[in-house]
Amino acid sequence: MATGPALPSTPEPLPLGALSDPILVDPGPRLLRAVLEAYREAAPALVAPSVADLASEADEGDETDEARGDDDLAPSELPSLRVFAGEAAVDAATAGFRPASRLAALLDADAVDLRVLDAPQPNPVLAGAETGFALIGTERDGAGGETSGETSRETIGEVEWHPIGDDASLRGRYASRFADAEPYGLRTPSRRRVYEGFAARCDESVAAAVLRTLDAEVDSETSKSIGPDSEETRLRAYAVGAREGVLDRTLRRACEDAGLGSPSTFTRIKRLLREADLIETVSESQPVGRPRERLAAHTELAAAEAPEAVVTAVRNVTE
């Protein structure tokens, strides 16, 4: 039976759904990553759907109860959480495509409302309508220290959070400040939005190829299990479209629909890949109007049949 998201805490995990209208204040990168991981474990089909999940949903029209596993909550079953966090902490916790896309999925589903905190607090706070407490993180035995900006799969489960205090007034101290705060402008889309954007403008095979290439890890030193940064995400996606022979205008619109950037952004990405001699364009005449430009892979990219090979081909492309 599915259970809701819970933070690793002592003496036992702390269910977020146990609090009424909870607000999480000033989580550091590690605590915020723990929250994202807790939601992913509770609702993987929403937060981190696989390519097969997305293809199956597309075939069926919508996500159905039958498509989810017994340990997978529907979006409506997830507790909503207000997160009041510093920009630096959010930036560090969502430094790669993988964690950022998970947060994007929660924002899209209204499971998380994320706003920018203007000043650090003495401790992170988790508060509901009836109670609230500070959260003190403690390293488990053998766990390494946290480094600013560090984001790796290994760090998520190495801290236990100690709820300190029982103060019903805590939520009131932050609720009005939260209501007046600016939403955090996350620039990374969810996996579902990426898939649907490419599937609608191109087709499902291109959408699947894009996600598999975004998932590819060439070595642990550069990816650290978080996926590509925003610039490499764009390069990988556009390179896949070129390998698939998509029309340039169609590909740029697909990238825009997928939430990866504006058409002008991908004019720049196209230039970078052309200067690296990885793509070329082929003009196709039309009965009416100007010729269309169809993309084609060149040199190493043309020979890159696996997602990892595509990543290797574009990894040194820079401005």
C-alpha atoms as a PDB file:
ATOM      1  CA  MET A   1       0.000   0.000   0.000  1.00  0.00           C
ATOM      2  CA  ALA A   2       1.345   3.440  -0.902  1.00  0.00           C
ATOM      3  CA  THR A   3       2.414   5.808   1.876  1.00  0.00           C
ATOM      4  CA  GLY A   4       2.901   9.538   1.683  1.00  0.00           C
ATOM      5  CA  PRO A   5       6.227  11.379   1.543  1.00  0.00           C
ATOM      6  CA  ALA A   6       8.191  11.437   4.793  1.00  0.00           C
ATOM      7  CA  LEU A   7      11.488  12.946   5.883  1.00  0.00           C
ATOM      8  CA  PRO A   8      14.187  10.663   7.343  1.00  0.00           C
ATOM      9  CA  SER A   9      14.068  11.597  11.016  1.00  0.00           C
ATOM     10  CA  THR A  10      14.555  10.181  14.466  1.00  0.00           C
ATOM     11  CA  PRO A  11      13.049   8.313  16.173  1.00  0.00           C
ATOM     12  CA  GLU A  12      10.941   7.539  13.074  1.00  0.00           C
ATOM     13  CA  PRO A  13      10.250   9.057   9.636  1.00  0.00           C
ATOM     14  CA  LEU A  14       8.244  12.270   9.727  1.00  0.00           C
ATOM     15  CA  PRO A  15       5.212  12.120   7.364  1.00  0.00           C
ATOM     16  CA  LEU A  16       4.605  15.460   5.680  1.00  0.00           C
ATOM     17  CA  GLY A  17       0.914  14.618   5.445  1.00  0.00           C
ATOM     18  CA  ALA A  18       0.672  14.484   9.252  1.00  0.00           C
ATOM     19  CA  LEU A  19       0.724  18.278   9.366  1.00  0.00           C
ATOM     20  CA  SER A  20      -2.177  20.484   8.306  1.00  0.00           C
ATOM     21  CA  ASP A  21      -1.226  22.944   5.529  1.00  0.00           C
ATOM     22  CA  PRO A  22       2.509  22.628   6.241  1.00  0.00           C
ATOM     23  CA  ILE A  23       5.173  25.176   5.373  1.00  0.00           C
ATOM     24  CA  LEU A  24       8.882  24.337   5.194  1.00  0.00           C
ATOM     25  CA  VAL A  25      11.082  27.350   5.909  1.00  0.00           C
ATOM     26  CA  ASP A  26      14.736  27.845   4.943  1.00  0.00           C
ATOM     27  CA  PRO A  27      15.692  24.280   3.995  1.00  0.00           C
ATOM     28  CA  GLY A  28      19.311  23.921   2.975  1.00  0.00           C
ATOM     29  CA  PRO A  29      20.201  22.043  -0.216  1.00  0.00           C
ATOM     30  CA  ARG A  30      20.378  18.688   1.552  1.00  0.00           C
ATOM     31  CA  LEU A  31      17.016  19.024   3.278  1.00  0.00           C
ATOM     32  CA  LEU A  32      15.384  20.211   0.059  1.00  0.00           C
ATOM     33  CA  ARG A  33      16.850  17.242  -1.804  1.00  0.00           C
ATOM     34  CA  ALA A  34      15.481  14.948   0.915  1.00  0.00           C
ATOM     35  CA  VAL A  35      12.008  16.434   0.363  1.00  0.00           C
ATOM     36  CA  LEU A  36      12.238  15.883  -3.403  1.00  0.00           C
ATOM     37  CA  GLU A  37      13.395  12.314  -2.836  1.00  0.00           C
ATOM     38  CA  ALA A  38      10.534  11.678  -0.392  1.00  0.00           C
ATOM     39  CA  TYR A  39       7.994  12.817  -2.995  1.00  0.00           C
ATOM     40  CA  ARG A  40       9.739  10.774  -5.698  1.00  0.00           C
ATOM     41  CA  GLU A  41       9.524   7.634  -3.594  1.00  0.00           C
ATOM     42  CA  ALA A  42       5.824   8.260  -2.896  1.00  0.00           C
ATOM     43  CA  ALA A  43       4.814   9.138  -6.477  1.00  0.00           C
ATOM     44  CA  PRO A  44       7.466   8.051  -8.994  1.00  0.00           C
ATOM     45  CA  ALA A  45       5.086   8.135 -11.973  1.00  0.00           C
ATOM     46  CA  LEU A  46       4.473  11.829 -11.342  1.00  0.00           C
ATOM     47  CA  VAL A  47       7.884  12.999 -10.141  1.00  0.00           C
ATOM     48  CA  ALA A  48      10.271  10.870 -12.212  1.00  0.00           C
ATOM     49  CA  PRO A  49       8.338   8.944 -14.872  1.00  0.00           C
ATOM     50  CA  SER A  50      10.314   6.594 -17.089  1.00  0.00           C
ATOM     51  CA  VAL A  51      10.208   6.789 -20.879  1.00  0.00           C
ATOM     52  CA  ALA A  52       8.061   3.630 -20.845  1.00  0.00           C
ATOM     53  CA  ASP A  53       5.638   5.247 -18.362  1.00  0.00           C
ATOM     54  CA  LEU A  54       5.245   8.324 -20.547  1.00  0.00           C
ATOM     55  CA  ALA A  55       4.826   6.318 -23.742  1.00  0.00           C
ATOM     56  CA  SER A  56       2.188   4.162 -22.072  1.00  0.00           C
ATOM     57  CA  GLU A  57       0.310   7.240 -20.827  1.00  0.00           C
ATOM     58  CA  ALA A  58       0.405   8.733 -24.323  1.00  0.00           C
ATOM     59  CA  ASP A  59      -1.060   5.542 -25.780  1.00  0.00           C
ATOM     60  CA  GLU A  60      -3.835   5.460 -23.171  1.00  0.00           C
ATOM     61  CA  GLY A  61      -4.604   9.184 -23.326  1.00  0.00           C
ATOM     62  CA  ASP A  62      -4.210   9.910 -19.591  1.00  0.00           C
ATOM     63  CA  GLU A  63      -2.562   8.369 -16.583  1.00  0.00           C
ATOM     64  CA  THR A  64      -4.882   5.723 -15.156  1.00  0.00           C
ATOM     65  CA  ASP A  65      -5.044   4.039 -11.770  1.00  0.00           C
ATOM     66  CA  GLU A  66      -4.071   0.791 -13.478  1.00  0.00           C
ATOM     67  CA  ALA A  67      -0.890   2.401 -14.866  1.00  0.00           C
ATOM     68  CA  ARG A  68       0.380   3.219 -11.377  1.00  0.00           C
ATOM     69  CA  GLY A  69       1.855   0.643  -9.055  1.00  0.00           C
ATOM     70  CA  ASP A  70       0.542  -0.130  -5.595  1.00  0.00           C
ATOM     71  CA  ASP A  71       3.336   2.017  -4.103  1.00  0.00           C
ATOM     72  CA  ASP A  72       2.653   5.015  -6.338  1.00  0.00           C
ATOM     73  CA  LEU A  73       0.343   7.805  -5.153  1.00  0.00           C
ATOM     74  CA  ALA A  74      -1.791   9.851  -7.523  1.00  0.00           C
ATOM     75  CA  PRO A  75      -1.106  13.614  -7.583  1.00  0.00           C
ATOM     76  CA  SER A  76      -4.365  14.280  -5.721  1.00  0.00           C
ATOM     77  CA  GLU A  77      -3.230  11.969  -2.908  1.00  0.00           C
ATOM     78  CA  LEU A  78      -0.001  13.849  -2.218  1.00  0.00           C
ATOM     79  CA  PRO A  79       0.148  16.353   0.646  1.00  0.00           C
ATOM     80  CA  SER A  80       0.666  19.921  -0.549  1.00  0.00           C
ATOM     81  CA  LEU A  81       3.722  21.676   0.839  1.00  0.00           C
ATOM     82  CA  ARG A  82       4.687  25.337   0.870  1.00  0.00           C
ATOM     83  CA  VAL A  83       8.445  25.759   0.631  1.00  0.00           C
ATOM     84  CA  PHE A  84       9.978  29.093   1.657  1.00  0.00           C
ATOM     85  CA  ALA A  85      13.622  28.793   0.599  1.00  0.00           C
ATOM     86  CA  GLY A  86      16.652  30.886  -0.235  1.00  0.00           C
ATOM     87  CA  GLU A  87      17.550  31.091  -3.924  1.00  0.00           C
ATOM     88  CA  ALA A  88      21.071  29.778  -3.314  1.00  0.00           C
ATOM     89  CA  ALA A  89      19.721  26.661  -1.596  1.00  0.00           C
ATOM     90  CA  VAL A  90      17.252  25.938  -4.400  1.00  0.00           C
ATOM     91  CA  ASP A  91      19.921  26.528  -7.054  1.00  0.00           C
ATOM     92  CA  ALA A  92      22.258  24.089  -5.318  1.00  0.00           C
ATOM     93  CA  ALA A  93      19.569  21.447  -4.776  1.00  0.00           C
ATOM     94  CA  THR A  94      18.425  21.601  -8.419  1.00  0.00           C
ATOM     95  CA  ALA A  95      21.791  21.972 -10.136  1.00  0.00           C
ATOM     96  CA  GLY A  96      21.174  19.215 -12.712  1.00  0.00           C
ATOM     97  CA  PHE A  97      18.292  18.146 -14.938  1.00  0.00           C
ATOM     98  CA  ARG A  98      17.282  15.200 -12.757  1.00  0.00           C
ATOM     99  CA  PRO A  99      16.531  16.959  -9.435  1.00  0.00           C
ATOM    100  CA  ALA A 100      15.291  20.123 -11.153  1.00  0.00           C
ATOM    101  CA  SER A 101      12.821  18.187 -13.329  1.00  0.00           C
ATOM    102  CA  ARG A 102      11.484  16.449 -10.216  1.00  0.00           C
ATOM    103  CA  LEU A 103      10.814  19.779  -8.549  1.00  0.00           C
ATOM    104  CA  ALA A 104       9.210  21.008 -11.782  1.00  0.00           C
ATOM    105  CA  ALA A 105       6.827  18.035 -11.748  1.00  0.00           C
ATOM    106  CA  LEU A 106       5.744  18.863  -8.194  1.00  0.00           C
ATOM    107  CA  LEU A 107       5.244  22.526  -9.089  1.00  0.00           C
ATOM    108  CA  ASP A 108       3.194  21.564 -12.166  1.00  0.00           C
ATOM    109  CA  ALA A 109       0.987  19.306 -10.036  1.00  0.00           C
ATOM    110  CA  ASP A 110       0.552  21.995  -7.335  1.00  0.00           C
ATOM    111  CA  ALA A 111       1.982  19.583  -4.782  1.00  0.00           C
ATOM    112  CA  VAL A 112       4.682  22.148  -3.935  1.00  0.00           C
ATOM    113  CA  ASP A 113       4.419  25.939  -3.864  1.00  0.00           C
ATOM    114  CA  LEU A 114       7.969  27.339  -3.866  1.00  0.00           C
ATOM    115  CA  ARG A 115       8.743  30.945  -2.968  1.00  0.00           C
ATOM    116  CA  VAL A 116      11.917  32.900  -2.324  1.00  0.00           C
ATOM    117  CA  LEU A 117      12.991  33.605   1.258  1.00  0.00           C
ATOM    118  CA  ASP A 118      14.803  36.923   1.583  1.00  0.00           C
ATOM    119  CA  ALA A 119      16.873  36.189   4.696  1.00  0.00           C
ATOM    120  CA  PRO A 120      18.272  33.027   6.344  1.00  0.00           C
ATOM    121  CA  GLN A 121      16.661  31.747   9.532  1.00  0.00           C
ATOM    122  CA  PRO A 122      18.382  30.288  12.627  1.00  0.00           C
ATOM    123  CA  ASN A 123      17.182  26.785  11.707  1.00  0.00           C
ATOM    124  CA  PRO A 124      14.949  25.155   9.122  1.00  0.00           C
ATOM    125  CA  VAL A 125      11.332  25.078  10.290  1.00  0.00           C
ATOM    126  CA  LEU A 126       8.487  22.729   9.411  1.00  0.00           C
ATOM    127  CA  ALA A 127       5.169  24.045  10.671  1.00  0.00           C
ATOM    128  CA  GLY A 128       1.521  23.103  10.332  1.00  0.00           C
ATOM    129  CA  ALA A 129      -1.668  24.717  11.559  1.00  0.00           C
ATOM    130  CA  GLU A 130      -1.571  22.863  14.879  1.00  0.00           C
ATOM    131  CA  THR A 131       2.143  22.426  15.562  1.00  0.00           C
ATOM    132  CA  GLY A 132       5.579  23.321  14.330  1.00  0.00           C
ATOM    133  CA  PHE A 133       9.203  22.667  15.087  1.00  0.00           C
ATOM    134  CA  ALA A 134      12.763  23.374  14.078  1.00  0.00           C
ATOM    135  CA  LEU A 135      14.647  20.699  12.133  1.00  0.00           C
ATOM    136  CA  ILE A 136      18.191  19.864  13.172  1.00  0.00           C
ATOM    137  CA  GLY A 137      20.148  17.642  10.783  1.00  0.00           C
ATOM    138  CA  THR A 138      22.586  15.056  12.081  1.00  0.00           C
ATOM    139  CA  GLU A 139      25.056  13.063  10.001  1.00  0.00           C
ATOM    140  CA  ARG A 140      24.819   9.309  10.233  1.00  0.00           C
ATOM    141  CA  ASP A 141      27.956   7.341  11.055  1.00  0.00           C
ATOM    142  CA  GLY A 142      30.295   7.218   8.075  1.00  0.00           C
ATOM    143  CA  ALA A 143      28.567  10.025   6.189  1.00  0.00           C
ATOM    144  CA  GLY A 144      30.687  12.694   4.611  1.00  0.00           C
ATOM    145  CA  GLY A 145      30.298  16.408   5.254  1.00  0.00           C
ATOM    146  CA  GLU A 146      28.134  18.585   3.050  1.00  0.00           C
ATOM    147  CA  THR A 147      29.760  20.846   0.516  1.00  0.00           C
ATOM    148  CA  SER A 148      27.971  23.883  -0.876  1.00  0.00           C
ATOM    149  CA  GLY A 149      26.342  22.940  -4.151  1.00  0.00           C
ATOM    150  CA  GLU A 150      26.995  19.214  -3.648  1.00  0.00           C
ATOM    151  CA  THR A 151      24.208  17.154  -5.190  1.00  0.00           C
ATOM    152  CA  SER A 152      24.627  13.420  -5.392  1.00  0.00           C
ATOM    153  CA  ARG A 153      22.414  10.424  -4.904  1.00  0.00           C
ATOM    154  CA  GLU A 154      24.592   9.242  -2.033  1.00  0.00           C
ATOM    155  CA  THR A 155      23.955  12.330   0.134  1.00  0.00           C
ATOM    156  CA  ILE A 156      20.158  12.077   0.271  1.00  0.00           C
ATOM    157  CA  GLY A 157      19.802   9.387   2.920  1.00  0.00           C
ATOM    158  CA  GLU A 158      22.808  10.233   5.119  1.00  0.00           C
ATOM    159  CA  VAL A 159      21.158  12.841   7.346  1.00  0.00           C
ATOM    160  CA  GLU A 160      18.485  12.287   9.952  1.00  0.00           C
ATOM    161  CA  TRP A 161      16.362  15.270  10.962  1.00  0.00           C
ATOM    162  CA  HIS A 162      15.502  15.880  14.603  1.00  0.00           C
ATOM    163  CA  PRO A 163      12.202  17.764  15.131  1.00  0.00           C
ATOM    164  CA  ILE A 164      12.763  20.161  18.033  1.00  0.00           C
ATOM    165  CA  GLY A 165       9.914  21.840  19.904  1.00  0.00           C
ATOM    166  CA  ASP A 166       6.139  21.902  19.560  1.00  0.00           C
ATOM    167  CA  ASP A 167       5.080  25.452  18.741  1.00  0.00           C
ATOM    168  CA  ALA A 168       1.732  26.148  17.071  1.00  0.00           C
ATOM    169  CA  SER A 169       2.682  29.798  16.530  1.00  0.00           C
ATOM    170  CA  LEU A 170       5.544  28.994  14.139  1.00  0.00           C
ATOM    171  CA  ARG A 171       3.354  28.796  11.059  1.00  0.00           C
ATOM    172  CA  GLY A 172       1.835  32.193  11.777  1.00  0.00           C
ATOM    173  CA  ARG A 173       5.270  33.800  11.812  1.00  0.00           C
ATOM    174  CA  TYR A 174       5.891  32.851   8.192  1.00  0.00           C
ATOM    175  CA  ALA A 175       2.492  32.512   6.490  1.00  0.00           C
ATOM    176  CA  SER A 176       2.030  36.202   5.649  1.00  0.00           C
ATOM    177  CA  ARG A 177       5.649  36.593   4.550  1.00  0.00           C
ATOM    178  CA  PHE A 178       5.226  33.566   2.308  1.00  0.00           C
ATOM    179  CA  ALA A 179       2.060  35.003   0.747  1.00  0.00           C
ATOM    180  CA  ASP A 180       3.919  38.227  -0.116  1.00  0.00           C
ATOM    181  CA  ALA A 181       7.060  36.499  -1.463  1.00  0.00           C
ATOM    182  CA  GLU A 182       7.971  36.000  -5.104  1.00  0.00           C
ATOM    183  CA  PRO A 183       7.609  32.516  -6.660  1.00  0.00           C
ATOM    184  CA  TYR A 184      10.896  30.857  -7.531  1.00  0.00           C
ATOM    185  CA  GLY A 185      11.432  30.904 -11.294  1.00  0.00           C
ATOM    186  CA  LEU A 186      12.532  27.355 -12.050  1.00  0.00           C
ATOM    187  CA  ARG A 187      13.856  27.199 -15.621  1.00  0.00           C
ATOM    188  CA  THR A 188      13.980  23.420 -15.938  1.00  0.00           C
ATOM    189  CA  PRO A 189      10.858  21.561 -17.127  1.00  0.00           C
ATOM    190  CA  SER A 190       9.502  18.285 -15.836  1.00  0.00           C
ATOM    191  CA  ARG A 191      10.243  15.062 -17.695  1.00  0.00           C
ATOM    192  CA  ARG A 192       6.577  14.874 -18.714  1.00  0.00           C
ATOM    193  CA  ARG A 193       6.657  18.348 -20.264  1.00  0.00           C
ATOM    194  CA  VAL A 194       9.825  17.501 -22.203  1.00  0.00           C
ATOM    195  CA  TYR A 195       8.285  14.295 -23.537  1.00  0.00           C
ATOM    196  CA  GLU A 196       4.971  15.896 -24.455  1.00  0.00           C
ATOM    197  CA  GLY A 197       6.626  18.886 -26.138  1.00  0.00           C
ATOM    198  CA  PHE A 198       8.709  16.726 -28.463  1.00  0.00           C
ATOM    199  CA  ALA A 199       5.977  14.152 -29.008  1.00  0.00           C
ATOM    200  CA  ALA A 200       3.518  16.836 -30.144  1.00  0.00           C
ATOM    201  CA  ARG A 201       5.865  18.694 -32.495  1.00  0.00           C
ATOM    202  CA  CYS A 202       7.933  15.735 -33.718  1.00  0.00           C
ATOM    203  CA  ASP A 203       6.793  12.281 -32.657  1.00  0.00           C
ATOM    204  CA  GLU A 204       7.013   9.898 -29.721  1.00  0.00           C
ATOM    205  CA  SER A 205      10.211   8.239 -30.957  1.00  0.00           C
ATOM    206  CA  VAL A 206      12.004  11.608 -30.953  1.00  0.00           C
ATOM    207  CA  ALA A 207      10.578  12.416 -27.502  1.00  0.00           C
ATOM    208  CA  ALA A 208      11.846   9.095 -26.151  1.00  0.00           C
ATOM    209  CA  ALA A 209      15.275   9.617 -27.727  1.00  0.00           C
ATOM    210  CA  VAL A 210      15.569  13.069 -26.146  1.00  0.00           C
ATOM    211  CA  LEU A 211      14.768  11.792 -22.640  1.00  0.00           C
ATOM    212  CA  ARG A 212      17.096   8.803 -22.946  1.00  0.00           C
ATOM    213  CA  THR A 213      19.895  11.158 -23.970  1.00  0.00           C
ATOM    214  CA  LEU A 214      19.153  13.484 -21.048  1.00  0.00           C
ATOM    215  CA  ASP A 215      19.303  10.430 -18.774  1.00  0.00           C
ATOM    216  CA  ALA A 216      22.622   9.176 -20.168  1.00  0.00           C
ATOM    217  CA  GLU A 217      25.623   9.263 -17.844  1.00  0.00           C
ATOM    218  CA  VAL A 218      29.055   9.145 -19.424  1.00  0.00           C
ATOM    219  CA  ASP A 219      31.045   9.234 -16.206  1.00  0.00           C
ATOM    220  CA  SER A 220      30.292   9.839 -12.550  1.00  0.00           C
ATOM    221  CA  GLU A 221      32.811  12.657 -12.243  1.00  0.00           C
ATOM    222  CA  THR A 222      30.853  15.027 -14.478  1.00  0.00           C
ATOM    223  CA  SER A 223      27.255  13.893 -13.977  1.00  0.00           C
ATOM    224  CA  LYS A 224      27.288  12.977 -10.251  1.00  0.00           C
ATOM    225  CA  SER A 225      23.961  11.282 -10.912  1.00  0.00           C
ATOM    226  CA  ILE A 226      22.189  14.633 -11.306  1.00  0.00           C
ATOM    227  CA  GLY A 227      22.118  14.832 -15.087  1.00  0.00           C
ATOM    228  CA  PRO A 228      23.233  17.654 -17.381  1.00  0.00           C
ATOM    229  CA  ASP A 229      23.132  21.349 -16.514  1.00  0.00           C
ATOM    230  CA  SER A 230      20.766  23.630 -18.426  1.00  0.00           C
ATOM    231  CA  GLU A 231      23.201  24.415 -21.257  1.00  0.00           C
ATOM    232  CA  GLU A 232      24.121  20.783 -21.854  1.00  0.00           C
ATOM    233  CA  THR A 233      20.449  19.825 -21.629  1.00  0.00           C
ATOM    234  CA  ARG A 234      19.737  22.123 -24.585  1.00  0.00           C
ATOM    235  CA  LEU A 235      22.723  20.851 -26.542  1.00  0.00           C
ATOM    236  CA  ARG A 236      21.723  17.214 -26.014  1.00  0.00           C
ATOM    237  CA  ALA A 237      18.090  17.824 -26.986  1.00  0.00           C
ATOM    238  CA  TYR A 238      18.909  19.752 -30.154  1.00  0.00           C
ATOM    239  CA  ALA A 239      21.566  17.208 -31.149  1.00  0.00           C
ATOM    240  CA  VAL A 240      19.003  14.399 -30.876  1.00  0.00           C
ATOM    241  CA  GLY A 241      16.629  16.347 -33.120  1.00  0.00           C
ATOM    242  CA  ALA A 242      19.398  16.789 -35.685  1.00  0.00           C
ATOM    243  CA  ARG A 243      20.178  13.068 -35.591  1.00  0.00           C
ATOM    244  CA  GLU A 244      16.494  12.372 -36.188  1.00  0.00           C
ATOM    245  CA  GLY A 245      16.422  14.730 -39.211  1.00  0.00           C
ATOM    246  CA  VAL A 246      13.816  17.109 -37.784  1.00  0.00           C
ATOM    247  CA  LEU A 247      13.059  20.389 -39.574  1.00  0.00           C
ATOM    248  CA  ASP A 248      14.944  23.247 -37.900  1.00  0.00           C
ATOM    249  CA  ARG A 249      11.842  25.358 -37.280  1.00  0.00           C
ATOM    250  CA  THR A 250       9.917  22.363 -35.931  1.00  0.00           C
ATOM    251  CA  LEU A 251      12.762  21.443 -33.587  1.00  0.00           C
ATOM    252  CA  ARG A 252      13.085  24.930 -32.175  1.00  0.00           C
ATOM    253  CA  ARG A 253       9.331  25.053 -31.535  1.00  0.00           C
ATOM    254  CA  ALA A 254       9.490  21.615 -29.893  1.00  0.00           C
ATOM    255  CA  CYS A 255      12.285  22.805 -27.603  1.00  0.00           C
ATOM    256  CA  GLU A 256      10.168  25.828 -26.678  1.00  0.00           C
ATOM    257  CA  ASP A 257       7.065  23.721 -26.011  1.00  0.00           C
ATOM    258  CA  ALA A 258       9.189  21.387 -23.888  1.00  0.00           C
ATOM    259  CA  GLY A 259      10.238  24.301 -21.682  1.00  0.00           C
ATOM    260  CA  LEU A 260      13.918  24.141 -22.590  1.00  0.00           C
ATOM    261  CA  GLY A 261      14.246  27.690 -23.942  1.00  0.00           C
ATOM    262  CA  SER A 262      13.041  30.175 -26.534  1.00  0.00           C
ATOM    263  CA  PRO A 263      13.511  29.747 -30.305  1.00  0.00           C
ATOM    264  CA  SER A 264      16.247  32.411 -30.164  1.00  0.00           C
ATOM    265  CA  THR A 265      18.065  30.362 -27.524  1.00  0.00           C
ATOM    266  CA  PHE A 266      18.095  27.431 -29.907  1.00  0.00           C
ATOM    267  CA  THR A 267      19.302  29.604 -32.764  1.00  0.00           C
ATOM    268  CA  ARG A 268      22.398  30.011 -30.597  1.00  0.00           C
ATOM    269  CA  ILE A 269      22.550  26.280 -29.810  1.00  0.00           C
ATOM    270  CA  LYS A 270      22.309  25.527 -33.532  1.00  0.00           C
ATOM    271  CA  ARG A 271      25.217  27.893 -34.186  1.00  0.00           C
ATOM    272  CA  LEU A 272      27.372  26.227 -31.529  1.00  0.00           C
ATOM    273  CA  LEU A 273      26.748  22.757 -32.946  1.00  0.00           C
ATOM    274  CA  ARG A 274      27.444  23.949 -36.504  1.00  0.00           C
ATOM    275  CA  GLU A 275      30.692  25.617 -35.419  1.00  0.00           C
ATOM    276  CA  ALA A 276      31.682  22.320 -33.777  1.00  0.00           C
ATOM    277  CA  ASP A 277      30.996  20.598 -37.142  1.00  0.00           C
ATOM    278  CA  LEU A 278      28.400  18.324 -35.548  1.00  0.00           C
ATOM    279  CA  ILE A 279      25.335  19.320 -37.563  1.00  0.00           C
ATOM    280  CA  GLU A 280      24.472  20.624 -41.012  1.00  0.00           C
ATOM    281  CA  THR A 281      21.298  21.729 -42.741  1.00  0.00           C
ATOM    282  CA  VAL A 282      19.777  20.549 -45.990  1.00  0.00           C
ATOM    283  CA  SER A 283      17.413  22.805 -47.937  1.00  0.00           C
ATOM    284  CA  GLU A 284      14.147  21.297 -49.141  1.00  0.00           C
ATOM    285  CA  SER A 285      12.229  23.190 -51.809  1.00  0.00           C
ATOM    286  CA  GLN A 286       8.471  23.672 -51.476  1.00  0.00           C
ATOM    287  CA  PRO A 287       5.798  24.409 -54.083  1.00  0.00           C
ATOM    288  CA  VAL A 288       5.091  27.714 -52.303  1.00  0.00           C
ATOM    289  CA  GLY A 289       7.337  29.795 -50.059  1.00  0.00           C
ATOM    290  CA  ARG A 290      10.951  29.602 -49.067  1.00  0.00           C
ATOM    291  CA  PRO A 291      12.814  26.290 -48.860  1.00  0.00           C
ATOM    292  CA  ARG A 292      12.675  24.499 -45.517  1.00  0.00           C
ATOM    293  CA  GLU A 293      15.836  23.629 -43.585  1.00  0.00           C
ATOM    294  CA  ARG A 294      16.101  20.046 -42.418  1.00  0.00           C
ATOM    295  CA  LEU A 295      18.792  19.228 -39.864  1.00  0.00           C
ATOM    296  CA  ALA A 296      21.295  16.423 -40.234  1.00  0.00           C
ATOM    297  CA  ALA A 297      23.988  15.095 -37.924  1.00  0.00           C
ATOM    298  CA  HIS A 298      27.592  15.363 -39.063  1.00  0.00           C
ATOM    299  CA  THR A 299      30.962  13.773 -38.120  1.00  0.00           C
ATOM    300  CA  GLU A 300      30.945  12.289 -34.576  1.00  0.00           C
ATOM    301  CA  LEU A 301      27.264  13.040 -34.016  1.00  0.00           C
ATOM    302  CA  ALA A 302      26.293  11.203 -37.205  1.00  0.00           C
ATOM    303  CA  ALA A 303      28.098   8.111 -35.916  1.00  0.00           C
ATOM    304  CA  ALA A 304      26.556   8.360 -32.412  1.00  0.00           C
ATOM    305  CA  GLU A 305      23.950   5.610 -32.289  1.00  0.00           C
ATOM    306  CA  ALA A 306      23.609   5.288 -28.502  1.00  0.00           C
ATOM    307  CA  PRO A 307      22.564   8.092 -26.110  1.00  0.00           C
ATOM    308  CA  GLU A 308      25.970   7.938 -24.416  1.00  0.00           C
ATOM    309  CA  ALA A 309      27.664   8.508 -27.765  1.00  0.00           C
ATOM    310  CA  VAL A 310      25.509  11.590 -28.390  1.00  0.00           C
ATOM    311  CA  VAL A 311      26.541  12.944 -24.977  1.00  0.00           C
ATOM    312  CA  THR A 312      30.208  12.320 -25.732  1.00  0.00           C
ATOM    313  CA  ALA A 313      29.891  14.091 -29.081  1.00  0.00           C
ATOM    314  CA  VAL A 314      28.434  17.301 -27.608  1.00  0.00           C
ATOM    315  CA  ARG A 315      30.103  17.439 -24.186  1.00  0.00           C
ATOM    316  CA  ASN A 316      32.918  19.806 -25.255  1.00  0.00           C
ATOM    317  CA  VAL A 317      30.687  22.208 -27.188  1.00  0.00           C
ATOM    318  CA  THR A 318      30.881  25.606 -25.477  1.00  0.00           C
ATOM    319  CA  GLU A 319      30.251  29.250 -26.250  1.00  0.00           C
END
